[in-house]
C-alpha atoms as a PDB file:
ATOM      1  CA  MET A   1      -0.931  24.077   2.855  1.00  0.00           C
ATOM      2  CA  ALA A   2       1.317  21.535   4.541  1.00  0.00           C
ATOM      3  CA  ASN A   3       1.615  17.970   3.381  1.00  0.00           C
ATOM      4  CA  VAL A   4       2.317  15.619   6.288  1.00  0.00           C
ATOM      5  CA  MET A   5       3.374  12.065   5.494  1.00  0.00           C
ATOM      6  CA  SER A   6       2.656   9.181   7.818  1.00  0.00           C
ATOM      7  CA  PRO A   7       5.897   8.208   9.537  1.00  0.00           C
ATOM      8  CA  ILE A   8       4.638   4.657  10.102  1.00  0.00           C
ATOM      9  CA  VAL A   9       5.195   3.513   6.529  1.00  0.00           C
ATOM     10  CA  ALA A  10       7.882   6.049   5.630  1.00  0.00           C
ATOM     11  CA  GLU A  11      10.196   4.936   8.451  1.00  0.00           C
ATOM     12  CA  ARG A  12       9.699   1.215   7.813  1.00  0.00           C
ATOM     13  CA  ILE A  13       9.582   1.172   4.023  1.00  0.00           C
ATOM     14  CA  TRP A  14      13.149  -0.183   3.964  1.00  0.00           C
ATOM     15  CA  ALA A  15      11.998  -3.291   5.852  1.00  0.00           C
ATOM     16  CA  LEU A  16       8.856  -4.028   3.842  1.00  0.00           C
ATOM     17  CA  PRO A  17       8.825  -7.323   1.970  1.00  0.00           C
ATOM     18  CA  LEU A  18       8.237  -5.484  -1.317  1.00  0.00           C
ATOM     19  CA  SER A  19      10.063  -5.272  -4.611  1.00  0.00           C
ATOM     20  CA  GLY A  20      11.612  -1.959  -5.551  1.00  0.00           C
ATOM     21  CA  SER A  21       8.921  -1.487  -8.189  1.00  0.00           C
ATOM     22  CA  ALA A  22       6.148  -1.964  -5.578  1.00  0.00           C
ATOM     23  CA  VAL A  23       7.826   0.581  -3.255  1.00  0.00           C
ATOM     24  CA  LYS A  24       8.045   3.047  -6.141  1.00  0.00           C
ATOM     25  CA  PHE A  25       4.379   2.406  -6.983  1.00  0.00           C
ATOM     26  CA  LEU A  26       3.443   3.041  -3.323  1.00  0.00           C
ATOM     27  CA  GLN A  27       5.168   6.421  -3.588  1.00  0.00           C
ATOM     28  CA  TYR A  28       3.084   7.139  -6.701  1.00  0.00           C
ATOM     29  CA  LEU A  29      -0.109   6.140  -4.841  1.00  0.00           C
ATOM     30  CA  VAL A  30       0.700   8.411  -1.889  1.00  0.00           C
ATOM     31  CA  SER A  31       1.425  11.327  -4.210  1.00  0.00           C
ATOM     32  CA  ARG A  32      -1.798  10.656  -6.159  1.00  0.00           C
ATOM     33  CA  SER A  33      -3.991  10.190  -3.081  1.00  0.00           C
ATOM     34  CA  ASP A  34      -6.163  12.763  -1.365  1.00  0.00           C
ATOM     35  CA  PHE A  35      -5.483  13.724   2.236  1.00  0.00           C
ATOM     36  CA  GLY A  36      -6.672  10.831   4.389  1.00  0.00           C
ATOM     37  CA  GLY A  37      -5.924   8.160   1.794  1.00  0.00           C
ATOM     38  CA  ALA A  38      -8.719   8.257  -0.791  1.00  0.00           C
ATOM     39  CA  LEU A  39      -7.440   7.367  -4.257  1.00  0.00           C
ATOM     40  CA  PRO A  40      -9.635   9.312  -6.694  1.00  0.00           C
ATOM     41  CA  VAL A  41      -8.242   7.506  -9.723  1.00  0.00           C
ATOM     42  CA  ARG A  42      -9.414   4.268 -11.290  1.00  0.00           C
ATOM     43  CA  GLN A  43      -7.054   1.392 -11.943  1.00  0.00           C
ATOM     44  CA  LYS A  44      -7.108   1.853 -15.730  1.00  0.00           C
ATOM     45  CA  ASP A  45      -6.257   5.548 -15.261  1.00  0.00           C
ATOM     46  CA  MET A  46      -3.439   4.646 -12.863  1.00  0.00           C
ATOM     47  CA  ALA A  47      -2.055   2.354 -15.560  1.00  0.00           C
ATOM     48  CA  ALA A  48      -2.154   5.132 -18.153  1.00  0.00           C
ATOM     49  CA  GLU A  49      -0.553   7.688 -15.793  1.00  0.00           C
ATOM     50  CA  TYR A  50       2.091   5.258 -14.544  1.00  0.00           C
ATOM     51  CA  GLY A  51       2.861   3.971 -18.036  1.00  0.00           C
ATOM     52  CA  VAL A  52       2.032   0.301 -17.436  1.00  0.00           C
ATOM     53  CA  THR A  53      -0.808  -2.078 -18.269  1.00  0.00           C
ATOM     54  CA  PRO A  54      -3.827  -2.476 -15.965  1.00  0.00           C
ATOM     55  CA  GLN A  55      -2.551  -6.000 -15.265  1.00  0.00           C
ATOM     56  CA  ALA A  56       0.779  -4.547 -14.127  1.00  0.00           C
ATOM     57  CA  VAL A  57      -1.092  -2.184 -11.780  1.00  0.00           C
ATOM     58  CA  SER A  58      -2.861  -5.232 -10.312  1.00  0.00           C
ATOM     59  CA  GLY A  59       0.505  -6.920  -9.819  1.00  0.00           C
ATOM     60  CA  LEU A  60       1.990  -3.847  -8.131  1.00  0.00           C
ATOM     61  CA  MET A  61      -1.109  -3.344  -6.001  1.00  0.00           C
ATOM     62  CA  ALA A  62      -1.375  -6.968  -4.752  1.00  0.00           C
ATOM     63  CA  PRO A  63       1.545  -6.936  -2.272  1.00  0.00           C
ATOM     64  CA  LEU A  64       0.431  -3.510  -0.982  1.00  0.00           C
ATOM     65  CA  CYS A  65      -3.065  -4.930  -0.393  1.00  0.00           C
ATOM     66  CA  ASP A  66      -1.576  -8.021   1.290  1.00  0.00           C
ATOM     67  CA  LEU A  67       0.114  -5.704   3.824  1.00  0.00           C
ATOM     68  CA  ASN A  68      -3.106  -3.654   4.223  1.00  0.00           C
ATOM     69  CA  ILE A  69      -1.245  -0.534   3.090  1.00  0.00           C
ATOM     70  CA  VAL A  70      -3.786  -0.295   0.273  1.00  0.00           C
ATOM     71  CA  LEU A  71      -7.338  -1.276   1.162  1.00  0.00           C
ATOM     72  CA  ARG A  72      -9.798  -2.731  -1.312  1.00  0.00           C
ATOM     73  CA  PRO A  73     -13.415  -1.883  -0.655  1.00  0.00           C
ATOM     74  CA  ARG A  74     -15.724  -4.764   0.178  1.00  0.00           C
ATOM     75  CA  SER A  75     -17.269  -6.173  -2.981  1.00  0.00           C
ATOM     76  CA  GLU A  76     -20.669  -4.615  -2.221  1.00  0.00           C
ATOM     77  CA  GLU A  77     -19.004  -1.175  -1.887  1.00  0.00           C
ATOM     78  CA  ARG A  78     -16.908  -1.301  -5.059  1.00  0.00           C
ATOM     79  CA  ASN A  79     -17.455   1.286  -7.718  1.00  0.00           C
ATOM     80  CA  GLY A  80     -14.885   0.975 -10.481  1.00  0.00           C
ATOM     81  CA  ASN A  81     -11.863  -0.461  -8.662  1.00  0.00           C
ATOM     82  CA  SER A  82     -11.835   2.159  -5.925  1.00  0.00           C
ATOM     83  CA  TYR A  83      -8.934   1.703  -3.527  1.00  0.00           C
ATOM     84  CA  ARG A  84      -7.728   3.747  -0.601  1.00  0.00           C
ATOM     85  CA  LEU A  85      -4.569   3.980   1.439  1.00  0.00           C
ATOM     86  CA  HIS A  86      -4.820   2.734   5.002  1.00  0.00           C
ATOM     87  CA  PRO A  87      -5.349   5.744   7.318  1.00  0.00           C
ATOM     88  CA  LEU A  88      -2.031   4.913   9.033  1.00  0.00           C
ATOM     89  CA  ALA A  89      -0.238   5.088   5.648  1.00  0.00           C
ATOM     90  CA  ALA A  90      -1.931   8.170   4.196  1.00  0.00           C
ATOM     91  CA  LYS A  91      -0.842  11.783   3.927  1.00  0.00           C
ATOM     92  CA  TYR A  92      -2.586  14.597   5.773  1.00  0.00           C
ATOM     93  CA  GLU A  93      -2.902  18.345   5.539  1.00  0.00           C
ATOM     94  CA  SER A  94      -1.425  18.957   9.004  1.00  0.00           C
ATOM     95  CA  PRO A  95       0.161  17.143  11.953  1.00  0.00           C
ATOM     96  CA  GLU A  96      -3.058  17.737  13.908  1.00  0.00           C
ATOM     97  CA  ALA A  97      -5.206  16.144  11.183  1.00  0.00           C
ATOM     98  CA  MET A  98      -2.822  13.160  11.055  1.00  0.00           C
ATOM     99  CA  GLU A  99      -2.953  12.726  14.830  1.00  0.00           C
ATOM    100  CA  ALA A 100      -6.775  12.830  14.862  1.00  0.00           C
ATOM    101  CA  ALA A 101      -6.962  10.360  11.944  1.00  0.00           C
ATOM    102  CA  PHE A 102      -4.505   8.002  13.676  1.00  0.00           C
ATOM    103  CA  ARG A 103      -6.575   8.081  16.881  1.00  0.00           C
ATOM    104  CA  ALA A 104      -9.746   7.291  14.927  1.00  0.00           C
ATOM    105  CA  ALA A 105      -8.000   4.536  12.932  1.00  0.00           C
ATOM    106  CA  LEU A 106      -6.599   2.901  16.074  1.00  0.00           C
ATOM    107  CA  ALA A 107     -10.067   2.902  17.641  1.00  0.00           C
ATOM    108  CA  ARG A 108     -11.483   1.304  14.458  1.00  0.00           C
ATOM    109  CA  ILE A 109      -8.711  -1.327  14.478  1.00  0.00           C
ATOM    110  CA  GLN A 110      -9.449  -2.172  18.124  1.00  0.00           C
ATOM    111  CA  ALA A 111     -13.167  -2.393  17.297  1.00  0.00           C
ATOM    112  CA  GLY A 112     -12.436  -4.768  14.404  1.00  0.00           C
ATOM    113  CA  ASP A 113     -13.785  -2.303  11.835  1.00  0.00           C
ATOM    114  CA  LEU A 114     -10.413  -1.688  10.133  1.00  0.00           C
ATOM    115  CA  PRO A 115      -7.584  -4.156   9.483  1.00  0.00           C
ATOM    116  CA  ASN A 116      -4.234  -3.350  11.016  1.00  0.00           C
ATOM    117  CA  LEU A 117      -1.175  -2.763   8.866  1.00  0.00           C
ATOM    118  CA  LYS A 118       0.981  -5.847   8.430  1.00  0.00           C
ATOM    119  CA  LEU A 119       4.323  -4.122   8.795  1.00  0.00           C
ATOM    120  CA  PRO A 120       7.498  -5.678  10.131  1.00  0.00           C
ATOM    121  CA  THR A 121       8.453  -4.640  13.623  1.00  0.00           C
ATOM    122  CA  TYR A 122      11.628  -2.715  14.179  1.00  0.00           C
ATOM    123  CA  GLN A 123      14.677  -4.903  14.509  1.00  0.00           C
ATOM    124  CA  GLN A 124      17.517  -3.599  16.603  1.00  0.00           C
ATOM    125  CA  ALA A 125      20.820  -3.340  14.795  1.00  0.00           C
ATOM    126  CA  PRO A 126      23.378  -5.871  16.017  1.00  0.00           C
ATOM    127  CA  PRO A 127      25.935  -4.440  18.419  1.00  0.00           C
ATOM    128  CA  ALA A 128      29.303  -3.502  17.012  1.00  0.00           C
ATOM    129  CA  ARG A 129      32.126  -5.880  17.760  1.00  0.00           C
ATOM    130  CA  ALA A 130      34.479  -4.704  20.457  1.00  0.00           C
ATOM    131  CA  GLY A 131      37.982  -3.703  19.519  1.00  0.00           C
ATOM    132  CA  ARG A 132      39.460  -2.471  16.301  1.00  0.00           C
ATOM    133  CA  PRO A 133      38.465  -4.065  13.010  1.00  0.00           C
ATOM    134  CA  LYS A 134      41.083  -6.305  11.410  1.00  0.00           C
ATOM    135  CA  LEU A 135      41.915  -4.596   8.170  1.00  0.00           C
ATOM    136  CA  GLN A 136      44.258  -6.061   5.626  1.00  0.00           C
ATOM    137  CA  VAL A 137      45.532  -4.666   2.386  1.00  0.00           C
ATOM    138  CA  ALA A 138      45.761  -7.215  -0.384  1.00  0.00           C
END
């Protein structure tokens, strides 16, 4: 069975306004998630598996929730700190499943039923200076 990662987060992870520990925790969440983004593990179990306190998990989770990479269920839908990865940040069993999930997620975003990811846009690299670099040996 294939394991297809969303390129949306993977290609922009370098530009996310996250600490290195939050990026590492996101990698843990993706590896621990089901296809499509469901996280079948409670926060206290994440803490035990990850080797941190439940409060540390909350601290690592907060910036991911702020960017909508991790979604908290509405308070009336909560059952034991259940979180999920945004469909545009989840892993899928095949490229076809990912494409179908992305189409559905984009339709839900347009309908206002799903928040959009708050990712930085691509920034073009500055052009190289013309001519040879001025190198000096000290």
